[in-house]
Amino acid sequence: MLQLQAAGDPAPIFLIISMIIIGVTLLACLFFSCFVRVVPHKHTMIIERLGKFRCQCKPGIYVIVPFVDRIRKIDWCYSEAFRSYGGSIESRQMHKNTEIVDIREKVLDFGQQPVITKDLASVNIDAVLYYRITDPRLAVLRITNLPYQLELLTQATLRDIMADLTLDDSLCSRDLINQRLMEHLQNDCLRFGVTITRIELQNLLMNDIMTDAMTKQLTAERKRRSIVLMADGKRQSSVLSSVSDATVGIINAEAQKQILVMNSSTDAKIKNMLAQADADSLGSVKEALSGCGSKLRAVDYMLKMRYLGEMISQAKFQEIQILEEEAMDIFKK
């Protein structure tokens, strides 16, 4: 009767089979979750065997030997900047506990850092660090907290660089500061298996007192530049006016010289022409006197004619008549 009942009631058999399947599935899931790992692309894992470094896993599926192999866990703490509800930028502590190392390029923004310049000015600098893990074994085994160490190293290096610069130099030399940071951090981070790809200074902020002082200094500098420019303009105007006056004087002197030369040449020509006319007149008078049989010289004749002309010009006669015969008698005497 019992065998017939057991054969006739299949429910206990199905229950046992279901429990076995569930148990096997749970064991398989437990085994898979504990001893099988999937490494995604651009990630890696560090596996230790009996406490020693064994291998660095590439992307793919890996089976961990139970009780022999162990995945090195990563416990990293670092600061992260964020914008609060009031609009100000603040920093907060972040905690990361994982087994997989991300080898992609990452950014580390650790908020504003107070620094003191060479001229004892206190400013806040907001820097951003771009880095990439090139050797995960060194990044995990040689150093305990990689992001925090990078943050401290960047802050210390930034303070050392800013201590050698004045406030004015730091405001206009961001490229120089970035270059110096790259040179100092690159060599220090190679021993951690990290490559620094880029460093940027986002903001350089000052307090209200420093901002007011900088504003007054800028205003005074602009006033000084305007005064200098106005004085320089007046000086150049005076120089140009002097040069212009000198040029005009030279041109006028040259023109007067040319006028004097031309007047002298004209006077000489006129005198030559008058002398030639007098000579021709003397020749004509001489021929006329010789033709009439007069012994009077042509020069004396011309002098007497000029004398008569002067007398006529000075005397006020209504009418002057000189008979030709009487005139000839006078000239013959």
Protein backbone atom coordinates (compact mmCIF):
# COMPACT_ATOMS: atom_id res chain seq x y z
CA MET A 1 0.00 0.00 0.00
CA LEU A 2 2.85 2.41 0.86
CA GLN A 3 4.69 1.71 -2.40
CA LEU A 4 1.49 2.27 -4.34
CA GLN A 5 0.90 5.54 -2.55
CA ALA A 6 4.46 6.68 -3.18
CA ALA A 7 4.19 5.70 -6.80
CA GLY A 8 0.83 7.28 -7.14
CA ASP A 9 1.89 10.68 -5.57
CA PRO A 10 4.75 12.36 -7.62
CA ALA A 11 4.83 15.61 -5.58
CA PRO A 12 7.64 14.62 -3.17
CA ILE A 13 9.84 13.51 -6.08
CA PHE A 14 9.44 16.83 -7.90
CA LEU A 15 10.13 18.68 -4.69
CA ILE A 16 13.38 16.81 -4.12
CA ILE A 17 14.47 17.31 -7.72
CA SER A 18 13.67 21.05 -7.52
CA MET A 19 15.62 21.42 -4.30
CA ILE A 20 18.60 19.65 -5.85
CA ILE A 21 18.49 21.92 -8.93
CA ILE A 22 18.20 25.01 -6.78
CA GLY A 23 21.09 23.91 -4.61
CA VAL A 24 23.28 23.18 -7.62
CA THR A 25 22.38 26.54 -9.14
CA LEU A 26 23.21 28.37 -5.91
CA LEU A 27 26.51 26.53 -5.64
CA ALA A 28 27.29 27.38 -9.27
CA CYS A 29 26.42 31.05 -8.75
CA LEU A 30 28.49 31.13 -5.57
CA PHE A 31 31.42 29.49 -7.35
CA PHE A 32 31.09 31.84 -10.30
CA SER A 33 30.85 34.93 -8.10
CA CYS A 34 33.78 33.88 -5.91
CA PHE A 35 36.20 32.27 -8.32
CA VAL A 36 35.30 33.62 -11.80
CA ARG A 37 35.99 37.24 -12.76
CA VAL A 38 35.25 39.21 -15.91
CA VAL A 39 37.62 42.08 -16.66
CA PRO A 40 36.07 44.74 -18.94
CA HIS A 41 37.88 46.67 -21.67
CA LYS A 42 40.47 49.28 -20.54
CA HIS A 43 40.51 47.72 -17.07
CA THR A 44 42.76 45.27 -15.26
CA MET A 45 43.11 43.29 -12.02
CA ILE A 46 46.03 42.39 -9.79
CA ILE A 47 46.05 38.72 -8.64
CA GLU A 48 48.21 37.53 -5.76
CA ARG A 49 49.09 33.92 -5.02
CA LEU A 50 49.87 33.13 -1.42
CA GLY A 51 50.45 36.82 -0.73
CA LYS A 52 52.82 37.43 -3.67
CA PHE A 53 52.21 39.12 -6.96
CA ARG A 54 51.16 36.56 -9.57
CA CYS A 55 49.86 38.33 -12.66
CA GLN A 56 48.10 41.34 -14.11
CA CYS A 57 44.84 40.37 -15.79
CA LYS A 58 43.94 41.68 -19.21
CA PRO A 59 40.32 42.15 -20.39
CA GLY A 60 38.54 38.75 -20.46
CA ILE A 61 37.35 35.92 -18.18
CA TYR A 62 39.60 34.55 -15.42
CA VAL A 63 39.17 31.69 -12.95
CA ILE A 64 40.61 32.20 -9.50
CA VAL A 65 42.07 29.18 -7.74
CA PRO A 66 40.20 28.86 -4.42
CA PHE A 67 42.19 29.41 -1.22
CA VAL A 68 45.38 30.05 -3.24
CA ASP A 69 44.80 33.09 -5.41
CA ARG A 70 43.44 36.39 -4.17
CA ILE A 71 42.43 39.58 -5.96
CA ARG A 72 44.15 42.66 -4.59
CA LYS A 73 41.47 45.08 -3.50
CA ILE A 74 41.85 48.81 -4.00
CA ASP A 75 40.76 51.26 -1.34
CA TRP A 76 41.25 54.82 -2.58
CA CYS A 77 40.17 58.09 -0.96
CA TYR A 78 40.44 61.42 -2.75
CA SER A 79 38.95 64.91 -2.87
CA GLU A 80 36.47 65.92 -5.53
CA ALA A 81 35.34 69.47 -6.31
CA PHE A 82 31.65 70.21 -6.76
CA ARG A 83 29.45 73.27 -7.08
CA SER A 84 27.18 73.88 -4.12
CA TYR A 85 23.65 75.27 -4.22
CA GLY A 86 24.98 78.75 -3.50
CA GLY A 87 27.16 78.62 -6.63
CA SER A 88 30.51 78.35 -4.81
CA ILE A 89 32.98 75.56 -5.57
CA GLU A 90 33.64 73.23 -2.63
CA SER A 91 35.47 69.94 -2.17
CA ARG A 92 34.32 66.67 -0.64
CA GLN A 93 36.00 63.39 0.24
CA MET A 94 35.22 60.42 -2.00
CA HIS A 95 35.83 56.75 -1.19
CA LYS A 96 36.39 54.02 -3.75
CA ASN A 97 36.67 50.32 -2.89
CA THR A 98 36.98 47.98 -5.87
CA GLU A 99 38.98 45.11 -7.34
CA ILE A 100 39.31 46.45 -10.87
CA VAL A 101 41.83 49.10 -11.84
CA ASP A 102 40.70 51.62 -14.45
CA ILE A 103 43.59 52.40 -16.83
CA ARG A 104 41.74 55.06 -18.80
CA GLU A 105 42.68 58.72 -18.54
CA LYS A 106 41.14 60.29 -15.45
CA VAL A 107 40.81 63.80 -14.12
CA LEU A 108 41.55 64.85 -10.56
CA ASP A 109 39.89 68.09 -9.49
CA PHE A 110 40.73 68.75 -5.85
CA GLY A 111 39.18 72.20 -5.51
CA GLN A 112 40.71 75.51 -4.48
CA GLN A 113 44.07 75.50 -2.74
CA PRO A 114 45.44 78.52 -0.78
CA VAL A 115 48.97 79.51 -1.82
CA ILE A 116 51.27 82.44 -1.01
CA THR A 117 53.22 84.21 -3.73
CA LYS A 118 56.71 85.69 -3.58
CA ASP A 119 55.36 89.12 -2.64
CA LEU A 120 53.32 87.58 0.25
CA ALA A 121 49.96 87.73 -1.52
CA SER A 122 47.46 85.03 -0.56
CA VAL A 123 45.48 83.58 -3.48
CA ASN A 124 43.33 80.50 -4.09
CA ILE A 125 44.20 78.32 -7.08
CA ASP A 126 41.87 75.79 -8.66
CA ALA A 127 43.96 73.21 -10.56
CA VAL A 128 42.91 70.17 -12.60
CA LEU A 129 45.19 67.15 -13.09
CA TYR A 130 44.81 64.67 -15.96
CA TYR A 131 46.61 61.37 -15.44
CA ARG A 132 46.64 57.80 -16.74
CA ILE A 133 47.83 54.60 -15.03
CA THR A 134 50.45 52.97 -17.25
CA ASP A 135 51.68 50.32 -14.79
CA PRO A 136 48.84 49.08 -12.53
CA ARG A 137 51.21 46.84 -10.55
CA LEU A 138 53.20 49.83 -9.32
CA ALA A 139 50.08 51.96 -8.83
CA VAL A 140 48.51 49.32 -6.58
CA LEU A 141 51.45 47.68 -4.80
CA ARG A 142 53.98 50.52 -4.45
CA ILE A 143 51.61 53.16 -3.10
CA THR A 144 48.61 52.84 -0.80
CA ASN A 145 46.30 55.61 -1.99
CA LEU A 146 47.23 56.85 -5.46
CA PRO A 147 44.71 59.73 -5.96
CA TYR A 148 45.38 61.15 -2.52
CA GLN A 149 49.15 61.00 -3.03
CA LEU A 150 48.80 62.72 -6.42
CA GLU A 151 46.68 65.41 -4.81
CA LEU A 152 49.22 66.07 -2.04
CA LEU A 153 52.15 66.01 -4.47
CA THR A 154 50.42 68.47 -6.82
CA GLN A 155 49.54 70.83 -3.99
CA ALA A 156 53.08 70.82 -2.58
CA THR A 157 54.65 71.35 -6.02
CA LEU A 158 52.18 74.13 -6.80
CA ARG A 159 53.02 75.92 -3.54
CA ASP A 160 56.75 75.69 -4.30
CA ILE A 161 56.29 77.12 -7.79
CA MET A 162 54.01 79.95 -6.65
CA ALA A 163 56.49 80.89 -3.91
CA ASP A 164 59.00 81.82 -6.65
CA LEU A 165 56.55 84.04 -8.55
CA THR A 166 55.01 87.39 -7.74
CA LEU A 167 51.30 88.02 -7.98
CA ASP A 168 51.60 89.87 -11.29
CA ASP A 169 53.75 87.08 -12.76
CA SER A 170 51.32 84.39 -11.62
CA LEU A 171 48.37 86.21 -13.18
CA CYS A 172 50.00 86.42 -16.62
CA SER A 173 52.12 83.23 -16.62
CA ARG A 174 49.67 80.34 -16.46
CA ASP A 175 51.42 78.48 -19.27
CA LEU A 176 54.72 78.79 -17.40
CA ILE A 177 53.14 77.42 -14.21
CA ASN A 178 51.58 74.51 -16.11
CA GLN A 179 54.91 73.71 -17.76
CA ARG A 180 56.79 73.73 -14.46
CA LEU A 181 54.14 71.53 -12.84
CA MET A 182 54.43 69.04 -15.69
CA GLU A 183 58.23 68.93 -15.39
CA HIS A 184 58.19 68.36 -11.61
CA LEU A 185 55.30 65.88 -11.45
CA GLN A 186 56.23 63.81 -14.48
CA ASN A 187 59.46 62.51 -12.95
CA ASP A 188 57.93 61.92 -9.52
CA CYS A 189 54.90 60.04 -10.82
CA LEU A 190 56.82 57.62 -13.04
CA ARG A 191 57.81 55.57 -9.98
CA PHE A 192 54.11 55.13 -9.23
CA GLY A 193 53.34 53.83 -12.72
CA VAL A 194 51.40 57.00 -13.58
CA THR A 195 51.79 59.34 -16.55
CA ILE A 196 50.69 62.97 -16.20
CA THR A 197 49.06 63.97 -19.48
CA ARG A 198 47.99 67.52 -18.69
CA ILE A 199 47.73 70.11 -15.91
CA GLU A 200 45.51 73.18 -16.11
CA LEU A 201 44.94 76.10 -13.75
CA GLN A 202 41.23 76.86 -13.94
CA ASN A 203 40.97 79.84 -11.62
CA LEU A 204 43.22 82.11 -9.61
CA LEU A 205 41.05 83.89 -7.07
CA MET A 206 41.89 86.65 -4.61
CA ASN A 207 40.07 88.00 -1.59
CA ASP A 208 38.20 91.31 -1.57
CA ILE A 209 41.13 93.29 -0.15
CA MET A 210 43.53 92.05 -2.82
CA THR A 211 40.94 92.62 -5.54
CA ASP A 212 40.39 96.21 -4.37
CA ALA A 213 44.15 96.82 -4.23
CA MET A 214 44.60 95.37 -7.72
CA THR A 215 41.78 97.57 -9.03
CA LYS A 216 43.37 100.71 -7.55
CA GLN A 217 46.78 99.71 -8.89
CA LEU A 218 45.31 99.11 -12.34
CA THR A 219 43.55 102.49 -12.28
CA ALA A 220 46.73 104.28 -11.20
CA GLU A 221 48.74 102.47 -13.87
CA ARG A 222 46.27 103.44 -16.56
CA LYS A 223 46.35 107.09 -15.43
CA ARG A 224 50.15 107.03 -15.48
CA ARG A 225 50.13 105.55 -18.97
CA SER A 226 47.67 108.19 -20.18
CA ILE A 227 49.86 111.00 -18.74
CA VAL A 228 52.95 109.48 -20.33
CA LEU A 229 51.18 109.10 -23.65
CA MET A 230 49.95 112.70 -23.56
CA ALA A 231 53.45 113.98 -22.69
CA ASP A 232 54.95 111.85 -25.42
CA GLY A 233 52.38 113.16 -27.87
CA LYS A 234 53.17 116.76 -26.95
CA ARG A 235 56.89 116.07 -27.28
CA GLN A 236 56.45 114.50 -30.68
CA SER A 237 54.20 117.39 -31.72
CA SER A 238 56.85 119.90 -30.61
CA VAL A 239 59.55 117.97 -32.46
CA LEU A 240 57.45 117.81 -35.60
CA SER A 241 56.62 121.52 -35.33
CA SER A 242 60.31 122.38 -34.93
CA VAL A 243 61.24 120.18 -37.86
CA SER A 244 58.45 121.75 -39.91
CA ASP A 245 59.57 125.28 -39.00
CA ALA A 246 63.18 124.43 -39.78
CA THR A 247 62.14 122.93 -43.11
CA VAL A 248 60.06 125.99 -43.96
CA GLY A 249 62.96 128.28 -43.01
CA ILE A 250 65.35 126.29 -45.17
CA ILE A 251 62.92 126.37 -48.08
CA ASN A 252 62.38 130.14 -47.65
CA ALA A 253 66.13 130.78 -47.44
CA GLU A 254 66.69 128.69 -50.53
CA ALA A 255 63.92 130.58 -52.32
CA GLN A 256 65.37 133.96 -51.28
CA LYS A 257 68.78 132.84 -52.45
CA GLN A 258 67.36 131.80 -55.78
CA ILE A 259 65.52 135.15 -56.02
CA LEU A 260 68.71 137.08 -55.24
CA VAL A 261 70.64 135.06 -57.78
CA MET A 262 67.96 135.64 -60.39
CA ASN A 263 67.74 139.37 -59.54
CA SER A 264 71.52 139.71 -59.71
CA SER A 265 71.58 137.90 -63.03
CA THR A 266 68.76 140.10 -64.31
CA ASP A 267 70.49 143.29 -63.11
CA ALA A 268 73.72 142.22 -64.75
CA LYS A 269 71.92 141.53 -68.00
CA ILE A 270 70.15 144.87 -67.81
CA LYS A 271 73.41 146.68 -67.12
CA ASN A 272 75.05 144.88 -70.00
CA MET A 273 72.18 145.81 -72.27
CA LEU A 274 72.31 149.45 -71.09
CA ALA A 275 76.06 149.55 -71.57
CA GLN A 276 75.66 148.06 -75.03
CA ALA A 277 72.95 150.62 -75.79
CA ASP A 278 75.20 153.44 -74.56
CA ALA A 279 78.03 152.15 -76.69
CA ASP A 280 75.77 151.98 -79.72
CA SER A 281 74.49 155.49 -78.98
CA LEU A 282 78.04 156.79 -78.65
CA GLY A 283 78.91 155.18 -81.96
CA SER A 284 75.92 156.76 -83.67
CA VAL A 285 76.59 160.17 -82.09
CA LYS A 286 80.24 159.97 -83.09
CA GLU A 287 79.31 159.22 -86.69
CA ALA A 288 76.78 162.08 -86.66
CA LEU A 289 79.29 164.53 -85.24
CA SER A 290 81.93 163.45 -87.72
CA GLY A 291 79.42 163.91 -90.54
CA CYS A 292 78.63 167.48 -89.57
CA GLY A 293 82.27 168.44 -89.12
CA SER A 294 82.06 169.02 -85.40
CA LYS A 295 85.13 168.53 -83.26
CA LEU A 296 83.03 167.73 -80.22
CA ARG A 297 83.53 164.31 -78.79
CA ALA A 298 80.64 161.93 -78.60
CA VAL A 299 81.10 161.53 -74.84
CA ASP A 300 80.94 165.27 -74.28
CA TYR A 301 77.86 165.44 -76.46
CA MET A 302 76.14 162.75 -74.43
CA LEU A 303 77.07 164.42 -71.12
CA LYS A 304 75.76 167.78 -72.33
CA MET A 305 72.52 166.13 -73.49
CA ARG A 306 72.07 164.50 -70.12
CA TYR A 307 72.83 167.80 -68.44
CA LEU A 308 70.14 169.50 -70.52
CA GLY A 309 67.79 166.69 -69.70
CA GLU A 310 68.39 167.14 -66.00
CA MET A 311 67.84 170.86 -66.29
CA ILE A 312 64.62 170.31 -68.17
CA SER A 313 63.38 167.78 -65.61
CA GLN A 314 64.15 170.09 -62.71
CA ALA A 315 63.01 173.35 -64.30
CA LYS A 316 59.35 174.09 -64.85
CA PHE A 317 59.08 175.47 -68.35
CA GLN A 318 55.90 175.71 -70.22
CA GLU A 319 57.63 175.40 -73.53
CA ILE A 320 61.21 175.01 -74.48
CA GLN A 321 62.39 175.56 -77.99
CA ILE A 322 65.98 175.07 -78.97
CA LEU A 323 66.85 176.00 -82.47
CA GLU A 324 68.85 173.46 -84.26
CA GLU A 325 71.40 175.96 -85.52
CA GLU A 326 71.88 177.53 -82.09
CA ALA A 327 72.18 174.10 -80.57
CA MET A 328 74.79 173.14 -83.08
CA ASP A 329 76.68 176.39 -82.34
CA ILE A 330 76.56 175.57 -78.65
CA PHE A 331 77.83 172.05 -79.24
CA LYS A 332 80.58 173.34 -81.46
CA LYS A 333 81.94 175.62 -78.69
